[in-house]
């Protein structure tokens, strides 16, 4: 993601990191303000941060939705910092 391209594998890495290091809150996990959850079979996963939602779908497809560009920029910085820990 450091090349300004959103990659599915980066989102999966962050999803796993949140589940591993985050706090369980009901059916989801939270770490550094980012929440991760999945449906009952794990084929659809969601990362949420403020008004931003990333839906991770089967076959490496994903959808990014947000209301405010600044939320996307904040999220992007957080994701990059988490990936840099790897």
PDB file of N, CA and C in Angstrom:
ATOM      1  N   UNK A   1       0.810  -1.204   0.000  1.00  0.00           N
ATOM      2  CA  UNK A   1       0.000   0.000   0.000  1.00  0.00           C
ATOM      3  C   UNK A   1       0.850   1.263   0.000  1.00  0.00           C
ATOM      4  N   UNK A   2       2.098   1.143   0.200  1.00  0.00           N
ATOM      5  CA  UNK A   2       2.922   2.341   0.202  1.00  0.00           C
ATOM      6  C   UNK A   2       3.029   2.968  -1.179  1.00  0.00           C
ATOM      7  N   UNK A   3       2.602   2.255  -2.222  1.00  0.00           N
ATOM      8  CA  UNK A   3       2.622   2.819  -3.561  1.00  0.00           C
ATOM      9  C   UNK A   3       1.260   3.397  -3.953  1.00  0.00           C
ATOM     10  N   UNK A   4       0.422   3.684  -2.980  1.00  0.00           N
ATOM     11  CA  UNK A   4      -0.900   4.288  -3.161  1.00  0.00           C
ATOM     12  C   UNK A   4      -1.897   3.387  -3.877  1.00  0.00           C
ATOM     13  N   UNK A   5      -1.648   2.099  -3.912  1.00  0.00           N
ATOM     14  CA  UNK A   5      -2.598   1.157  -4.491  1.00  0.00           C
ATOM     15  C   UNK A   5      -3.135   0.291  -3.359  1.00  0.00           C
ATOM     16  N   UNK A   6      -4.437   0.231  -3.246  1.00  0.00           N
ATOM     17  CA  UNK A   6      -5.062  -0.605  -2.228  1.00  0.00           C
ATOM     18  C   UNK A   6      -5.044  -2.050  -2.705  1.00  0.00           C
ATOM     19  N   UNK A   7      -4.460  -2.922  -1.908  1.00  0.00           N
ATOM     20  CA  UNK A   7      -4.340  -4.326  -2.291  1.00  0.00           C
ATOM     21  C   UNK A   7      -5.124  -5.209  -1.330  1.00  0.00           C
ATOM     22  N   UNK A   8      -5.774  -6.190  -1.888  1.00  0.00           N
ATOM     23  CA  UNK A   8      -6.575  -7.130  -1.120  1.00  0.00           C
ATOM     24  C   UNK A   8      -5.740  -7.802  -0.031  1.00  0.00           C
ATOM     25  N   UNK A   9      -4.533  -8.244  -0.388  1.00  0.00           N
ATOM     26  CA  UNK A   9      -3.688  -8.950   0.590  1.00  0.00           C
ATOM     27  C   UNK A   9      -3.319  -8.058   1.768  1.00  0.00           C
ATOM     28  N   UNK A  10      -3.191  -6.748   1.532  1.00  0.00           N
ATOM     29  CA  UNK A  10      -2.905  -5.826   2.629  1.00  0.00           C
ATOM     30  C   UNK A  10      -4.080  -5.760   3.597  1.00  0.00           C
ATOM     31  N   UNK A  11      -5.285  -5.716   3.045  1.00  0.00           N
ATOM     32  CA  UNK A  11      -6.477  -5.690   3.895  1.00  0.00           C
ATOM     33  C   UNK A  11      -6.600  -6.986   4.692  1.00  0.00           C
ATOM     34  N   UNK A  12      -6.302  -8.124   4.069  1.00  0.00           N
ATOM     35  CA  UNK A  12      -6.350  -9.399   4.793  1.00  0.00           C
ATOM     36  C   UNK A  12      -5.318  -9.440   5.909  1.00  0.00           C
ATOM     37  N   UNK A  13      -4.138  -8.902   5.640  1.00  0.00           N
ATOM     38  CA  UNK A  13      -3.095  -8.840   6.666  1.00  0.00           C
ATOM     39  C   UNK A  13      -3.581  -8.011   7.856  1.00  0.00           C
ATOM     40  N   UNK A  14      -4.149  -6.843   7.573  1.00  0.00           N
ATOM     41  CA  UNK A  14      -4.639  -5.965   8.638  1.00  0.00           C
ATOM     42  C   UNK A  14      -5.802  -6.623   9.372  1.00  0.00           C
ATOM     43  N   UNK A  15      -6.697  -7.281   8.640  1.00  0.00           N
ATOM     44  CA  UNK A  15      -7.809  -7.992   9.263  1.00  0.00           C
ATOM     45  C   UNK A  15      -7.275  -9.010  10.268  1.00  0.00           C
ATOM     46  N   UNK A  16      -6.302  -9.803   9.860  1.00  0.00           N
ATOM     47  CA  UNK A  16      -5.707 -10.807  10.742  1.00  0.00           C
ATOM     48  C   UNK A  16      -5.017 -10.156  11.940  1.00  0.00           C
ATOM     49  N   UNK A  17      -4.312  -9.073  11.703  1.00  0.00           N
ATOM     50  CA  UNK A  17      -3.636  -8.356  12.784  1.00  0.00           C
ATOM     51  C   UNK A  17      -4.643  -7.852  13.821  1.00  0.00           C
ATOM     52  N   UNK A  18      -5.753  -7.317  13.360  1.00  0.00           N
ATOM     53  CA  UNK A  18      -6.786  -6.816  14.273  1.00  0.00           C
ATOM     54  C   UNK A  18      -7.375  -7.964  15.083  1.00  0.00           C
ATOM     55  N   UNK A  19      -7.620  -9.110  14.434  1.00  0.00           N
ATOM     56  CA  UNK A  19      -8.151 -10.261  15.166  1.00  0.00           C
ATOM     57  C   UNK A  19      -7.135 -10.807  16.166  1.00  0.00           C
ATOM     58  N   UNK A  20      -5.869 -10.723  15.840  1.00  0.00           N
ATOM     59  CA  UNK A  20      -4.817 -11.257  16.703  1.00  0.00           C
ATOM     60  C   UNK A  20      -4.497 -10.332  17.874  1.00  0.00           C
ATOM     61  N   UNK A  21      -4.374  -9.045  17.610  1.00  0.00           N
ATOM     62  CA  UNK A  21      -3.936  -8.092  18.636  1.00  0.00           C
ATOM     63  C   UNK A  21      -5.062  -7.248  19.217  1.00  0.00           C
ATOM     64  N   UNK A  22      -6.225  -7.291  18.587  1.00  0.00           N
ATOM     65  CA  UNK A  22      -7.321  -6.430  19.006  1.00  0.00           C
ATOM     66  C   UNK A  22      -8.114  -6.963  20.183  1.00  0.00           C
ATOM     67  N   UNK A  23      -9.062  -6.159  20.599  1.00  0.00           N
ATOM     68  CA  UNK A  23      -9.969  -6.500  21.689  1.00  0.00           C
ATOM     69  C   UNK A  23     -11.273  -7.016  21.106  1.00  0.00           C
ATOM     70  N   UNK A  24     -11.748  -8.156  21.607  1.00  0.00           N
ATOM     71  CA  UNK A  24     -13.004  -8.726  21.118  1.00  0.00           C
ATOM     72  C   UNK A  24     -14.165  -7.944  21.714  1.00  0.00           C
ATOM     73  N   UNK A  25     -15.043  -7.484  20.844  1.00  0.00           N
ATOM     74  CA  UNK A  25     -16.240  -6.741  21.241  1.00  0.00           C
ATOM     75  C   UNK A  25     -17.442  -7.416  20.595  1.00  0.00           C
ATOM     76  N   UNK A  26     -18.019  -8.377  21.278  1.00  0.00           N
ATOM     77  CA  UNK A  26     -19.132  -9.119  20.690  1.00  0.00           C
ATOM     78  C   UNK A  26     -18.636  -9.986  19.548  1.00  0.00           C
ATOM     79  N   UNK A  27     -19.144  -9.726  18.344  1.00  0.00           N
ATOM     80  CA  UNK A  27     -18.758 -10.531  17.181  1.00  0.00           C
ATOM     81  C   UNK A  27     -17.646  -9.891  16.356  1.00  0.00           C
ATOM     82  N   UNK A  28     -17.046  -8.818  16.872  1.00  0.00           N
ATOM     83  CA  UNK A  28     -15.991  -8.144  16.114  1.00  0.00           C
ATOM     84  C   UNK A  28     -14.789  -7.866  17.007  1.00  0.00           C
ATOM     85  N   UNK A  29     -13.703  -7.464  16.374  1.00  0.00           N
ATOM     86  CA  UNK A  29     -12.477  -7.089  17.074  1.00  0.00           C
ATOM     87  C   UNK A  29     -12.148  -5.647  16.744  1.00  0.00           C
ATOM     88  N   UNK A  30     -11.490  -4.958  17.688  1.00  0.00           N
ATOM     89  CA  UNK A  30     -11.114  -3.556  17.482  1.00  0.00           C
ATOM     90  C   UNK A  30      -9.656  -3.377  17.867  1.00  0.00           C
ATOM     91  N   UNK A  31      -8.926  -2.661  17.006  1.00  0.00           N
ATOM     92  CA  UNK A  31      -7.522  -2.366  17.267  1.00  0.00           C
ATOM     93  C   UNK A  31      -7.201  -1.021  16.632  1.00  0.00           C
ATOM     94  N   UNK A  32      -6.728  -0.083  17.434  1.00  0.00           N
ATOM     95  CA  UNK A  32      -6.372   1.267  16.966  1.00  0.00           C
ATOM     96  C   UNK A  32      -7.514   1.963  16.233  1.00  0.00           C
ATOM     97  N   UNK A  33      -8.727   1.723  16.699  1.00  0.00           N
ATOM     98  CA  UNK A  33      -9.887   2.384  16.113  1.00  0.00           C
ATOM     99  C   UNK A  33     -10.463   1.706  14.888  1.00  0.00           C
ATOM    100  N   UNK A  34      -9.818   0.645  14.414  1.00  0.00           N
ATOM    101  CA  UNK A  34     -10.312  -0.094  13.252  1.00  0.00           C
ATOM    102  C   UNK A  34     -10.987  -1.362  13.756  1.00  0.00           C
ATOM    103  N   UNK A  35     -12.170  -1.637  13.229  1.00  0.00           N
ATOM    104  CA  UNK A  35     -12.908  -2.830  13.630  1.00  0.00           C
ATOM    105  C   UNK A  35     -12.914  -3.847  12.502  1.00  0.00           C
ATOM    106  N   UNK A  36     -12.867  -5.112  12.877  1.00  0.00           N
ATOM    107  CA  UNK A  36     -12.876  -6.213  11.915  1.00  0.00           C
ATOM    108  C   UNK A  36     -13.948  -7.213  12.322  1.00  0.00           C
ATOM    109  N   UNK A  37     -14.727  -7.637  11.341  1.00  0.00           N
ATOM    110  CA  UNK A  37     -15.725  -8.672  11.589  1.00  0.00           C
ATOM    111  C   UNK A  37     -15.937  -9.464  10.309  1.00  0.00           C
ATOM    112  N   UNK A  38     -16.551 -10.635  10.453  1.00  0.00           N
ATOM    113  CA  UNK A  38     -16.830 -11.468   9.282  1.00  0.00           C
ATOM    114  C   UNK A  38     -18.179 -12.135   9.445  1.00  0.00           C
ATOM    115  N   UNK A  39     -18.717 -12.633   8.318  1.00  0.00           N
ATOM    116  CA  UNK A  39     -19.993 -13.326   8.391  1.00  0.00           C
ATOM    117  C   UNK A  39     -19.773 -14.738   8.937  1.00  0.00           C
ATOM    118  N   UNK A  40     -20.837 -15.508   9.025  1.00  0.00           N
ATOM    119  CA  UNK A  40     -20.771 -16.798   9.706  1.00  0.00           C
ATOM    120  C   UNK A  40     -19.811 -17.791   9.051  1.00  0.00           C
ATOM    121  N   UNK A  41     -19.612 -17.718   7.743  1.00  0.00           N
ATOM    122  CA  UNK A  41     -18.723 -18.673   7.086  1.00  0.00           C
ATOM    123  C   UNK A  41     -17.354 -18.091   6.730  1.00  0.00           C
ATOM    124  N   UNK A  42     -17.148 -16.802   6.984  1.00  0.00           N
ATOM    125  CA  UNK A  42     -15.859 -16.174   6.743  1.00  0.00           C
ATOM    126  C   UNK A  42     -15.595 -15.747   5.311  1.00  0.00           C
ATOM    127  N   UNK A  43     -16.574 -15.912   4.424  1.00  0.00           N
ATOM    128  CA  UNK A  43     -16.367 -15.530   3.028  1.00  0.00           C
ATOM    129  C   UNK A  43     -16.466 -14.028   2.804  1.00  0.00           C
ATOM    130  N   UNK A  44     -17.144 -13.336   3.683  1.00  0.00           N
ATOM    131  CA  UNK A  44     -17.234 -11.880   3.595  1.00  0.00           C
ATOM    132  C   UNK A  44     -16.721 -11.296   4.904  1.00  0.00           C
ATOM    133  N   UNK A  45     -15.797 -10.343   4.777  1.00  0.00           N
ATOM    134  CA  UNK A  45     -15.210  -9.693   5.945  1.00  0.00           C
ATOM    135  C   UNK A  45     -15.353  -8.186   5.794  1.00  0.00           C
ATOM    136  N   UNK A  46     -15.380  -7.490   6.911  1.00  0.00           N
ATOM    137  CA  UNK A  46     -15.499  -6.037   6.900  1.00  0.00           C
ATOM    138  C   UNK A  46     -14.440  -5.412   7.793  1.00  0.00           C
ATOM    139  N   UNK A  47     -13.860  -4.346   7.314  1.00  0.00           N
ATOM    140  CA  UNK A  47     -13.018  -3.463   8.111  1.00  0.00           C
ATOM    141  C   UNK A  47     -13.751  -2.135   8.171  1.00  0.00           C
ATOM    142  N   UNK A  48     -13.930  -1.596   9.369  1.00  0.00           N
ATOM    143  CA  UNK A  48     -14.619  -0.315   9.494  1.00  0.00           C
ATOM    144  C   UNK A  48     -13.783   0.644  10.325  1.00  0.00           C
ATOM    145  N   UNK A  49     -13.860   1.907   9.941  1.00  0.00           N
ATOM    146  CA  UNK A  49     -13.178   2.985  10.649  1.00  0.00           C
ATOM    147  C   UNK A  49     -14.005   4.246  10.429  1.00  0.00           C
ATOM    148  N   UNK A  50     -14.581   4.752  11.499  1.00  0.00           N
ATOM    149  CA  UNK A  50     -15.461   5.925  11.429  1.00  0.00           C
ATOM    150  C   UNK A  50     -16.523   5.703  10.353  1.00  0.00           C
ATOM    151  N   UNK A  51     -16.566   6.547   9.303  1.00  0.00           N
ATOM    152  CA  UNK A  51     -17.591   6.414   8.264  1.00  0.00           C
ATOM    153  C   UNK A  51     -17.117   5.594   7.058  1.00  0.00           C
ATOM    154  N   UNK A  52     -16.003   4.891   7.210  1.00  0.00           N
ATOM    155  CA  UNK A  52     -15.436   4.095   6.118  1.00  0.00           C
ATOM    156  C   UNK A  52     -15.698   2.615   6.354  1.00  0.00           C
ATOM    157  N   UNK A  53     -16.094   1.915   5.314  1.00  0.00           N
ATOM    158  CA  UNK A  53     -16.270   0.466   5.378  1.00  0.00           C
ATOM    159  C   UNK A  53     -15.606  -0.167   4.170  1.00  0.00           C
ATOM    160  N   UNK A  54     -14.784  -1.157   4.433  1.00  0.00           N
ATOM    161  CA  UNK A  54     -14.191  -1.953   3.363  1.00  0.00           C
ATOM    162  C   UNK A  54     -14.792  -3.345   3.471  1.00  0.00           C
ATOM    163  N   UNK A  55     -15.407  -3.794   2.403  1.00  0.00           N
ATOM    164  CA  UNK A  55     -15.985  -5.125   2.342  1.00  0.00           C
ATOM    165  C   UNK A  55     -15.040  -6.008   1.546  1.00  0.00           C
ATOM    166  N   UNK A  56     -14.555  -7.058   2.182  1.00  0.00           N
ATOM    167  CA  UNK A  56     -13.658  -8.016   1.533  1.00  0.00           C
ATOM    168  C   UNK A  56     -14.492  -9.208   1.095  1.00  0.00           C
ATOM    169  N   UNK A  57     -14.498  -9.455  -0.192  1.00  0.00           N
ATOM    170  CA  UNK A  57     -15.333 -10.495  -0.776  1.00  0.00           C
ATOM    171  C   UNK A  57     -14.482 -11.675  -1.242  1.00  0.00           C
ATOM    172  N   UNK A  58     -15.155 -12.722  -1.624  1.00  0.00           N
ATOM    173  CA  UNK A  58     -14.512 -13.922  -2.145  1.00  0.00           C
ATOM    174  C   UNK A  58     -13.814 -13.607  -3.471  1.00  0.00           C
ATOM    175  N   UNK A  59     -12.821 -14.354  -3.829  1.00  0.00           N
ATOM    176  CA  UNK A  59     -12.054 -14.194  -5.078  1.00  0.00           C
ATOM    177  C   UNK A  59     -11.314 -12.863  -5.145  1.00  0.00           C
ATOM    178  N   UNK A  60     -10.800 -12.412  -4.019  1.00  0.00           N
ATOM    179  CA  UNK A  60      -9.942 -11.213  -3.944  1.00  0.00           C
ATOM    180  C   UNK A  60     -10.605  -9.933  -4.429  1.00  0.00           C
ATOM    181  N   UNK A  61     -11.890  -9.830  -4.265  1.00  0.00           N
ATOM    182  CA  UNK A  61     -12.596  -8.596  -4.619  1.00  0.00           C
ATOM    183  C   UNK A  61     -12.894  -7.828  -3.342  1.00  0.00           C
ATOM    184  N   UNK A  62     -12.927  -6.504  -3.460  1.00  0.00           N
ATOM    185  CA  UNK A  62     -13.264  -5.688  -2.304  1.00  0.00           C
ATOM    186  C   UNK A  62     -13.956  -4.412  -2.749  1.00  0.00           C
ATOM    187  N   UNK A  63     -14.645  -3.803  -1.800  1.00  0.00           N
ATOM    188  CA  UNK A  63     -15.375  -2.563  -2.049  1.00  0.00           C
ATOM    189  C   UNK A  63     -15.030  -1.589  -0.928  1.00  0.00           C
ATOM    190  N   UNK A  64     -14.728  -0.356  -1.287  1.00  0.00           N
ATOM    191  CA  UNK A  64     -14.400   0.682  -0.309  1.00  0.00           C
ATOM    192  C   UNK A  64     -15.465   1.763  -0.386  1.00  0.00           C
ATOM    193  N   UNK A  65     -16.085   2.074   0.745  1.00  0.00           N
ATOM    194  CA  UNK A  65     -17.085   3.137   0.804  1.00  0.00           C
ATOM    195  C   UNK A  65     -16.776   4.040   1.986  1.00  0.00           C
ATOM    196  N   UNK A  66     -16.875   5.346   1.757  1.00  0.00           N
ATOM    197  CA  UNK A  66     -16.660   6.311   2.829  1.00  0.00           C
ATOM    198  C   UNK A  66     -17.416   7.584   2.486  1.00  0.00           C
ATOM    199  N   UNK A  67     -17.717   8.362   3.527  1.00  0.00           N
ATOM    200  CA  UNK A  67     -18.406   9.636   3.341  1.00  0.00           C
ATOM    201  C   UNK A  67     -17.427  10.791   3.207  1.00  0.00           C
ATOM    202  N   UNK A  68     -16.365  10.761   3.990  1.00  0.00           N
ATOM    203  CA  UNK A  68     -15.425  11.887   4.028  1.00  0.00           C
ATOM    204  C   UNK A  68     -14.043  11.450   3.557  1.00  0.00           C
ATOM    205  N   UNK A  69     -13.481  12.215   2.655  1.00  0.00           N
ATOM    206  CA  UNK A  69     -12.145  11.915   2.122  1.00  0.00           C
ATOM    207  C   UNK A  69     -11.095  11.908   3.234  1.00  0.00           C
ATOM    208  N   UNK A  70     -11.247  12.785   4.233  1.00  0.00           N
ATOM    209  CA  UNK A  70     -10.266  12.814   5.321  1.00  0.00           C
ATOM    210  C   UNK A  70     -10.288  11.521   6.138  1.00  0.00           C
ATOM    211  N   UNK A  71     -11.456  10.882   6.247  1.00  0.00           N
ATOM    212  CA  UNK A  71     -11.521   9.589   6.931  1.00  0.00           C
ATOM    213  C   UNK A  71     -10.717   8.555   6.158  1.00  0.00           C
ATOM    214  N   UNK A  72     -10.882   8.551   4.842  1.00  0.00           N
ATOM    215  CA  UNK A  72     -10.108   7.631   4.008  1.00  0.00           C
ATOM    216  C   UNK A  72      -8.612   7.870   4.189  1.00  0.00           C
ATOM    217  N   UNK A  73      -8.189   9.124   4.193  1.00  0.00           N
ATOM    218  CA  UNK A  73      -6.770   9.453   4.352  1.00  0.00           C
ATOM    219  C   UNK A  73      -6.231   8.997   5.709  1.00  0.00           C
ATOM    220  N   UNK A  74      -7.011   9.203   6.777  1.00  0.00           N
ATOM    221  CA  UNK A  74      -6.609   8.744   8.113  1.00  0.00           C
ATOM    222  C   UNK A  74      -6.465   7.223   8.129  1.00  0.00           C
ATOM    223  N   UNK A  75      -7.460   6.552   7.569  1.00  0.00           N
ATOM    224  CA  UNK A  75      -7.449   5.094   7.520  1.00  0.00           C
ATOM    225  C   UNK A  75      -6.236   4.596   6.736  1.00  0.00           C
ATOM    226  N   UNK A  76      -5.975   5.217   5.621  1.00  0.00           N
ATOM    227  CA  UNK A  76      -4.845   4.836   4.772  1.00  0.00           C
ATOM    228  C   UNK A  76      -3.522   4.943   5.537  1.00  0.00           C
ATOM    229  N   UNK A  77      -3.367   6.009   6.313  1.00  0.00           N
ATOM    230  CA  UNK A  77      -2.155   6.176   7.127  1.00  0.00           C
ATOM    231  C   UNK A  77      -2.061   5.087   8.196  1.00  0.00           C
ATOM    232  N   UNK A  78      -3.192   4.775   8.836  1.00  0.00           N
ATOM    233  CA  UNK A  78      -3.195   3.728   9.859  1.00  0.00           C
ATOM    234  C   UNK A  78      -2.824   2.378   9.254  1.00  0.00           C
ATOM    235  N   UNK A  79      -3.400   2.077   8.096  1.00  0.00           N
ATOM    236  CA  UNK A  79      -3.112   0.810   7.428  1.00  0.00           C
ATOM    237  C   UNK A  79      -1.622   0.718   7.092  1.00  0.00           C
ATOM    238  N   UNK A  80      -1.081   1.781   6.539  1.00  0.00           N
ATOM    239  CA  UNK A  80       0.344   1.782   6.195  1.00  0.00           C
ATOM    240  C   UNK A  80       1.220   1.582   7.423  1.00  0.00           C
ATOM    241  N   UNK A  81       0.855   2.192   8.544  1.00  0.00           N
ATOM    242  CA  UNK A  81       1.659   2.026   9.757  1.00  0.00           C
ATOM    243  C   UNK A  81       1.561   0.595  10.284  1.00  0.00           C
ATOM    244  N   UNK A  82       0.392  -0.024  10.164  1.00  0.00           N
ATOM    245  CA  UNK A  82       0.247  -1.412  10.602  1.00  0.00           C
ATOM    246  C   UNK A  82       1.033  -2.359   9.699  1.00  0.00           C
ATOM    247  N   UNK A  83       1.007  -2.112   8.405  1.00  0.00           N
ATOM    248  CA  UNK A  83       1.747  -2.958   7.466  1.00  0.00           C
ATOM    249  C   UNK A  83       3.247  -2.810   7.696  1.00  0.00           C
ATOM    250  N   UNK A  84       3.679  -1.620   8.058  1.00  0.00           N
ATOM    251  CA  UNK A  84       5.107  -1.374   8.303  1.00  0.00           C
ATOM    252  C   UNK A  84       5.618  -2.182   9.496  1.00  0.00           C
ATOM    253  N   UNK A  85       4.732  -2.589  10.395  1.00  0.00           N
ATOM    254  CA  UNK A  85       5.126  -3.401  11.547  1.00  0.00           C
ATOM    255  C   UNK A  85       5.536  -4.807  11.140  1.00  0.00           C
ATOM    256  N   UNK A  86       5.138  -5.222   9.961  1.00  0.00           N
ATOM    257  CA  UNK A  86       5.400  -6.580   9.475  1.00  0.00           C
ATOM    258  C   UNK A  86       6.855  -6.803   9.197  1.00  0.00           C
TER     259      UNK A  86
END
